[in-house]
């Protein structure tokens, strides 16, 4: 067998393997997708009965962040203002608490991850 035939034989073998893997993975994804949705529904229902609490924490340069606990276990640790570049936290504890309470409300509604937008920060008068 010459080099050209060996190359095309090897490349067709690789393509066959890739095709089989793609088909197998797409089947797994559809099955997993159904389970993920069921799991998500369960998690949302479970969160409604869980205890969510907020702890305001000190951050760098005399600023503030927050920690969200679910059933007294750390879930989110946010030492900086979400959605903004850098590591600086909120200028006061009240602003950190406002945003943390919004995050808790989003978690309760099943919004995961509970992202915070610049617009929301403005609505809360944090920015």
N, C-alpha and C. Protein backbone atom coordinates (compact mmCIF):
# COMPACT_ATOMS: atom_id res chain seq x y z
N UNK A 1 0.86 -1.16 0.00
CA UNK A 1 0.00 0.00 0.00
C UNK A 1 0.91 1.23 0.00
N UNK A 2 0.57 2.18 -0.87
CA UNK A 2 1.42 3.35 -0.90
C UNK A 2 0.96 4.36 0.16
N UNK A 3 1.72 5.44 0.29
CA UNK A 3 1.44 6.43 1.35
C UNK A 3 0.08 7.08 1.19
N UNK A 4 -0.30 7.37 -0.05
CA UNK A 4 -1.58 8.05 -0.29
C UNK A 4 -2.75 7.17 0.16
N UNK A 5 -2.74 5.91 -0.19
CA UNK A 5 -3.81 5.01 0.23
C UNK A 5 -3.83 4.84 1.75
N UNK A 6 -2.64 4.77 2.34
CA UNK A 6 -2.56 4.64 3.80
C UNK A 6 -3.15 5.88 4.46
N UNK A 7 -2.84 7.07 3.90
CA UNK A 7 -3.36 8.32 4.46
C UNK A 7 -4.88 8.37 4.39
N UNK A 8 -5.43 8.07 3.20
CA UNK A 8 -6.89 8.12 3.04
C UNK A 8 -7.58 7.03 3.85
N UNK A 9 -6.95 5.90 3.99
CA UNK A 9 -7.52 4.84 4.81
C UNK A 9 -7.58 5.25 6.27
N UNK A 10 -6.50 5.86 6.76
CA UNK A 10 -6.46 6.31 8.15
C UNK A 10 -7.42 7.46 8.38
N UNK A 11 -7.51 8.40 7.42
CA UNK A 11 -8.40 9.54 7.62
C UNK A 11 -9.86 9.12 7.56
N UNK A 12 -10.21 8.15 6.71
CA UNK A 12 -11.60 7.70 6.68
C UNK A 12 -11.94 6.95 7.97
N UNK A 13 -10.97 6.25 8.54
CA UNK A 13 -11.18 5.59 9.82
C UNK A 13 -11.44 6.61 10.92
N UNK A 14 -10.64 7.68 10.94
CA UNK A 14 -10.81 8.74 11.94
C UNK A 14 -12.17 9.40 11.77
N UNK A 15 -12.58 9.68 10.53
CA UNK A 15 -13.89 10.29 10.28
C UNK A 15 -15.02 9.37 10.75
N UNK A 16 -14.86 8.11 10.54
CA UNK A 16 -15.88 7.15 10.99
C UNK A 16 -15.99 7.18 12.52
N UNK A 17 -14.87 7.18 13.20
CA UNK A 17 -14.86 7.23 14.66
C UNK A 17 -15.52 8.52 15.15
N UNK A 18 -15.18 9.65 14.52
CA UNK A 18 -15.76 10.94 14.92
C UNK A 18 -17.26 10.93 14.71
N UNK A 19 -17.73 10.39 13.60
CA UNK A 19 -19.16 10.33 13.32
C UNK A 19 -19.88 9.49 14.35
N UNK A 20 -19.32 8.33 14.66
CA UNK A 20 -19.93 7.45 15.67
C UNK A 20 -19.98 8.15 17.03
N UNK A 21 -18.90 8.84 17.38
CA UNK A 21 -18.88 9.55 18.67
C UNK A 21 -19.92 10.67 18.70
N UNK A 22 -20.05 11.40 17.60
CA UNK A 22 -21.05 12.47 17.55
C UNK A 22 -22.46 11.94 17.71
N UNK A 23 -22.75 10.84 17.05
CA UNK A 23 -24.08 10.23 17.17
C UNK A 23 -24.31 9.77 18.60
N UNK A 24 -23.32 9.11 19.17
CA UNK A 24 -23.46 8.63 20.55
C UNK A 24 -23.62 9.79 21.51
N UNK A 25 -22.83 10.83 21.33
CA UNK A 25 -22.91 11.98 22.23
C UNK A 25 -24.23 12.72 22.09
N UNK A 26 -24.75 12.82 20.87
CA UNK A 26 -26.02 13.53 20.69
C UNK A 26 -27.15 12.75 21.36
N UNK A 27 -27.09 11.42 21.31
CA UNK A 27 -28.10 10.61 22.00
C UNK A 27 -27.98 10.80 23.51
N UNK A 28 -26.76 10.81 24.03
CA UNK A 28 -26.55 11.01 25.46
C UNK A 28 -27.05 12.38 25.87
N UNK A 29 -26.82 13.39 25.04
CA UNK A 29 -27.24 14.75 25.38
C UNK A 29 -28.74 14.84 25.46
N UNK A 30 -29.45 14.17 24.55
CA UNK A 30 -30.91 14.26 24.60
C UNK A 30 -31.46 13.53 25.82
N UNK A 31 -30.85 12.42 26.17
CA UNK A 31 -31.27 11.71 27.38
C UNK A 31 -30.91 12.54 28.60
N UNK A 32 -29.70 13.05 28.62
CA UNK A 32 -29.25 13.85 29.74
C UNK A 32 -30.09 15.11 29.86
N UNK A 33 -30.47 15.70 28.72
CA UNK A 33 -31.29 16.90 28.74
C UNK A 33 -32.60 16.66 29.46
N UNK A 34 -33.23 15.52 29.23
CA UNK A 34 -34.48 15.20 29.91
C UNK A 34 -34.25 15.07 31.41
N UNK A 35 -33.17 14.40 31.79
CA UNK A 35 -32.85 14.23 33.21
C UNK A 35 -32.47 15.56 33.83
N UNK A 36 -31.74 16.39 33.08
CA UNK A 36 -31.35 17.69 33.60
C UNK A 36 -32.57 18.54 33.88
N UNK A 37 -33.56 18.49 32.99
CA UNK A 37 -34.77 19.27 33.19
C UNK A 37 -35.51 18.77 34.43
N UNK A 38 -35.59 17.46 34.58
CA UNK A 38 -36.24 16.91 35.77
C UNK A 38 -35.48 17.31 37.02
N UNK A 39 -34.17 17.25 36.95
CA UNK A 39 -33.35 17.63 38.09
C UNK A 39 -33.52 19.11 38.40
N UNK A 40 -33.59 19.94 37.35
CA UNK A 40 -33.77 21.38 37.54
C UNK A 40 -35.12 21.66 38.19
N UNK A 41 -36.18 20.99 37.72
CA UNK A 41 -37.50 21.16 38.33
C UNK A 41 -37.46 20.78 39.80
N UNK A 42 -36.78 19.67 40.11
CA UNK A 42 -36.66 19.23 41.49
C UNK A 42 -35.91 20.26 42.31
N UNK A 43 -34.80 20.76 41.76
CA UNK A 43 -34.00 21.74 42.48
C UNK A 43 -34.79 23.02 42.74
N UNK A 44 -35.58 23.47 41.75
CA UNK A 44 -36.39 24.68 41.93
C UNK A 44 -37.42 24.47 43.03
N UNK A 45 -38.06 23.31 43.02
CA UNK A 45 -39.05 23.02 44.06
C UNK A 45 -38.38 22.92 45.41
N UNK A 46 -37.21 22.33 45.45
CA UNK A 46 -36.48 22.17 46.71
C UNK A 46 -36.06 23.53 47.26
N UNK A 47 -35.63 24.45 46.38
CA UNK A 47 -35.18 25.77 46.83
C UNK A 47 -36.29 26.55 47.52
N UNK A 48 -37.52 26.30 47.14
CA UNK A 48 -38.63 27.02 47.77
C UNK A 48 -38.77 26.67 49.24
N UNK A 49 -38.30 25.50 49.63
CA UNK A 49 -38.40 25.10 51.03
C UNK A 49 -37.07 25.27 51.78
N UNK A 50 -35.99 25.52 51.04
CA UNK A 50 -34.69 25.71 51.67
C UNK A 50 -34.60 27.06 52.38
N UNK A 51 -33.69 27.13 53.32
CA UNK A 51 -33.42 28.39 54.01
C UNK A 51 -32.28 29.09 53.30
N UNK A 52 -32.57 30.26 52.74
CA UNK A 52 -31.54 31.08 52.12
C UNK A 52 -31.25 32.25 53.03
N UNK A 53 -30.00 32.51 53.28
CA UNK A 53 -29.64 33.63 54.14
C UNK A 53 -28.48 34.41 53.53
N UNK A 54 -28.35 35.65 53.99
CA UNK A 54 -27.35 36.57 53.47
C UNK A 54 -26.43 36.99 54.61
N UNK A 55 -25.15 37.01 54.32
CA UNK A 55 -24.16 37.55 55.25
C UNK A 55 -23.40 38.64 54.49
N UNK A 56 -23.33 39.82 55.04
CA UNK A 56 -22.56 40.90 54.46
C UNK A 56 -21.12 40.74 54.94
N UNK A 57 -20.17 40.77 54.02
CA UNK A 57 -18.77 40.50 54.35
C UNK A 57 -17.88 41.68 53.95
N UNK A 58 -16.82 41.91 54.69
CA UNK A 58 -15.88 42.96 54.29
C UNK A 58 -15.09 42.52 53.06
N UNK A 59 -14.73 43.49 52.23
CA UNK A 59 -13.95 43.22 51.04
C UNK A 59 -12.75 44.16 51.01
N UNK A 60 -12.04 44.18 49.90
CA UNK A 60 -10.81 44.98 49.81
C UNK A 60 -11.11 46.48 49.82
N UNK A 61 -10.16 47.25 50.26
CA UNK A 61 -10.23 48.72 50.26
C UNK A 61 -11.46 49.26 50.99
N UNK A 62 -11.78 48.67 52.13
CA UNK A 62 -12.92 49.10 52.95
C UNK A 62 -14.25 49.07 52.20
N UNK A 63 -14.43 48.06 51.35
CA UNK A 63 -15.70 47.88 50.65
C UNK A 63 -16.39 46.64 51.19
N UNK A 64 -17.55 46.31 50.60
CA UNK A 64 -18.37 45.22 51.13
C UNK A 64 -18.83 44.28 50.03
N UNK A 65 -19.00 43.04 50.41
CA UNK A 65 -19.55 42.02 49.53
C UNK A 65 -20.60 41.24 50.29
N UNK A 66 -20.97 40.10 49.74
CA UNK A 66 -21.98 39.28 50.41
C UNK A 66 -21.73 37.80 50.16
N UNK A 67 -22.31 37.04 51.03
CA UNK A 67 -22.28 35.59 50.89
C UNK A 67 -23.71 35.10 51.02
N UNK A 68 -24.11 34.18 50.12
CA UNK A 68 -25.43 33.58 50.16
C UNK A 68 -25.26 32.16 50.69
N UNK A 69 -26.02 31.82 51.69
CA UNK A 69 -26.00 30.47 52.26
C UNK A 69 -27.32 29.78 51.94
N UNK A 70 -27.24 28.50 51.63
CA UNK A 70 -28.44 27.68 51.49
C UNK A 70 -28.35 26.62 52.57
N UNK A 71 -29.35 26.63 53.46
CA UNK A 71 -29.37 25.72 54.60
C UNK A 71 -28.06 25.79 55.38
N UNK A 72 -27.60 27.02 55.60
CA UNK A 72 -26.40 27.33 56.37
C UNK A 72 -25.10 26.87 55.72
N UNK A 73 -25.15 26.49 54.43
CA UNK A 73 -23.94 26.08 53.72
C UNK A 73 -23.63 27.14 52.66
N UNK A 74 -22.36 27.54 52.54
CA UNK A 74 -22.00 28.56 51.54
C UNK A 74 -22.40 28.13 50.13
N UNK A 75 -23.03 29.06 49.42
CA UNK A 75 -23.46 28.81 48.06
C UNK A 75 -22.84 29.82 47.10
N UNK A 76 -22.86 31.10 47.46
CA UNK A 76 -22.26 32.16 46.64
C UNK A 76 -21.40 33.02 47.55
N UNK A 77 -20.19 33.30 47.08
CA UNK A 77 -19.29 34.21 47.77
C UNK A 77 -18.99 35.32 46.79
N UNK A 78 -19.48 36.54 47.04
CA UNK A 78 -19.33 37.66 46.11
C UNK A 78 -18.65 38.82 46.84
N UNK A 79 -17.35 38.95 46.63
CA UNK A 79 -16.61 40.01 47.32
C UNK A 79 -16.50 41.29 46.49
N UNK A 80 -16.93 41.23 45.24
CA UNK A 80 -16.90 42.41 44.37
C UNK A 80 -18.28 42.68 43.80
N UNK A 81 -18.44 43.84 43.18
CA UNK A 81 -19.73 44.17 42.58
C UNK A 81 -19.90 43.31 41.33
N UNK A 82 -20.97 42.51 41.27
CA UNK A 82 -21.15 41.63 40.11
C UNK A 82 -21.42 42.45 38.85
N UNK A 83 -20.88 41.98 37.74
CA UNK A 83 -21.10 42.64 36.47
C UNK A 83 -20.13 43.77 36.16
N UNK A 84 -19.29 44.11 37.11
CA UNK A 84 -18.31 45.17 36.90
C UNK A 84 -16.90 44.59 36.92
N UNK A 85 -15.99 45.16 36.14
CA UNK A 85 -14.62 44.66 36.18
C UNK A 85 -13.94 45.06 37.49
N UNK A 86 -12.96 44.31 37.86
CA UNK A 86 -12.20 44.62 39.07
C UNK A 86 -12.67 43.85 40.28
N UNK A 87 -12.00 44.11 41.40
CA UNK A 87 -12.27 43.37 42.63
C UNK A 87 -12.90 44.21 43.72
N UNK A 88 -13.24 45.45 43.42
CA UNK A 88 -13.77 46.34 44.43
C UNK A 88 -15.22 45.98 44.76
N UNK A 89 -15.52 46.01 46.05
CA UNK A 89 -16.87 45.71 46.50
C UNK A 89 -17.75 46.94 46.54
N UNK A 90 -18.85 46.81 47.23
CA UNK A 90 -19.81 47.90 47.38
C UNK A 90 -19.29 48.93 48.38
N UNK A 91 -19.68 50.18 48.19
CA UNK A 91 -19.17 51.24 49.06
C UNK A 91 -19.76 51.18 50.46
N UNK A 92 -20.94 50.55 50.60
CA UNK A 92 -21.53 50.42 51.94
C UNK A 92 -22.27 49.10 52.07
N UNK A 93 -22.56 48.74 53.30
CA UNK A 93 -23.21 47.46 53.59
C UNK A 93 -24.63 47.40 53.03
N UNK A 94 -25.34 48.52 53.03
CA UNK A 94 -26.72 48.55 52.56
C UNK A 94 -26.80 48.19 51.07
N UNK A 95 -25.86 48.71 50.26
CA UNK A 95 -25.85 48.38 48.83
C UNK A 95 -25.57 46.90 48.61
N UNK A 96 -24.63 46.36 49.38
CA UNK A 96 -24.34 44.93 49.27
C UNK A 96 -25.57 44.10 49.64
N UNK A 97 -26.29 44.54 50.65
CA UNK A 97 -27.48 43.82 51.08
C UNK A 97 -28.60 43.88 50.03
N UNK A 98 -28.77 45.03 49.39
CA UNK A 98 -29.79 45.17 48.34
C UNK A 98 -29.55 44.16 47.22
N UNK A 99 -28.30 44.09 46.76
CA UNK A 99 -27.97 43.18 45.66
C UNK A 99 -28.08 41.73 46.11
N UNK A 100 -27.62 41.44 47.31
CA UNK A 100 -27.71 40.07 47.83
C UNK A 100 -29.18 39.62 47.92
N UNK A 101 -30.05 40.50 48.33
CA UNK A 101 -31.48 40.16 48.41
C UNK A 101 -32.07 39.91 47.03
N UNK A 102 -31.60 40.66 46.01
CA UNK A 102 -32.04 40.40 44.64
C UNK A 102 -31.56 39.03 44.17
N UNK A 103 -30.34 38.69 44.52
CA UNK A 103 -29.81 37.37 44.17
C UNK A 103 -30.65 36.27 44.81
N UNK A 104 -31.00 36.45 46.07
CA UNK A 104 -31.84 35.46 46.77
C UNK A 104 -33.18 35.32 46.06
N UNK A 105 -33.78 36.44 45.66
CA UNK A 105 -35.07 36.40 44.96
C UNK A 105 -34.93 35.63 43.64
N UNK A 106 -33.84 35.84 42.93
CA UNK A 106 -33.62 35.13 41.67
C UNK A 106 -33.44 33.63 41.91
N UNK A 107 -32.72 33.28 42.94
CA UNK A 107 -32.55 31.86 43.27
C UNK A 107 -33.90 31.24 43.59
N UNK A 108 -34.71 31.93 44.35
CA UNK A 108 -36.05 31.41 44.70
C UNK A 108 -36.91 31.20 43.45
N UNK A 109 -36.72 32.08 42.44
CA UNK A 109 -37.47 31.94 41.18
C UNK A 109 -36.87 30.88 40.28
N UNK A 110 -35.74 30.31 40.66
CA UNK A 110 -35.11 29.27 39.86
C UNK A 110 -34.16 29.80 38.80
N UNK A 111 -33.79 31.06 38.86
CA UNK A 111 -32.84 31.63 37.90
C UNK A 111 -31.43 31.22 38.30
N UNK A 112 -30.87 30.30 37.54
CA UNK A 112 -29.53 29.81 37.84
C UNK A 112 -28.68 29.87 36.59
N UNK A 113 -27.57 30.53 36.61
CA UNK A 113 -27.04 31.29 37.74
C UNK A 113 -27.80 32.60 37.90
N UNK A 114 -27.85 33.12 39.11
CA UNK A 114 -28.61 34.35 39.38
C UNK A 114 -27.80 35.60 39.02
N UNK A 115 -27.58 35.83 37.74
CA UNK A 115 -26.73 36.93 37.31
C UNK A 115 -27.39 38.28 37.57
N UNK A 116 -26.56 39.26 37.81
CA UNK A 116 -27.01 40.64 38.07
C UNK A 116 -26.51 41.51 36.93
N UNK A 117 -27.41 42.31 36.36
CA UNK A 117 -27.04 43.18 35.24
C UNK A 117 -26.72 44.59 35.74
N UNK A 118 -26.07 45.34 34.88
CA UNK A 118 -25.77 46.74 35.18
C UNK A 118 -27.08 47.50 35.39
N UNK A 119 -28.08 47.21 34.57
CA UNK A 119 -29.37 47.88 34.69
C UNK A 119 -30.00 47.63 36.06
N UNK A 120 -29.90 46.40 36.55
CA UNK A 120 -30.43 46.07 37.87
C UNK A 120 -29.68 46.83 38.97
N UNK A 121 -28.37 46.94 38.82
CA UNK A 121 -27.58 47.69 39.80
C UNK A 121 -28.02 49.16 39.81
N UNK A 122 -28.31 49.70 38.64
CA UNK A 122 -28.78 51.09 38.56
C UNK A 122 -30.16 51.24 39.18
N UNK A 123 -31.06 50.27 38.91
CA UNK A 123 -32.41 50.30 39.49
C UNK A 123 -32.37 50.27 41.01
N UNK A 124 -31.39 49.56 41.56
CA UNK A 124 -31.24 49.49 43.01
C UNK A 124 -30.48 50.70 43.59
N UNK A 125 -30.11 51.63 42.72
CA UNK A 125 -29.32 52.81 43.11
C UNK A 125 -27.99 52.45 43.75
N UNK A 126 -27.40 51.38 43.23
CA UNK A 126 -26.11 50.93 43.72
C UNK A 126 -25.00 51.58 42.91
N UNK A 127 -25.28 51.85 41.64
CA UNK A 127 -24.30 52.52 40.76
C UNK A 127 -24.69 53.97 40.56
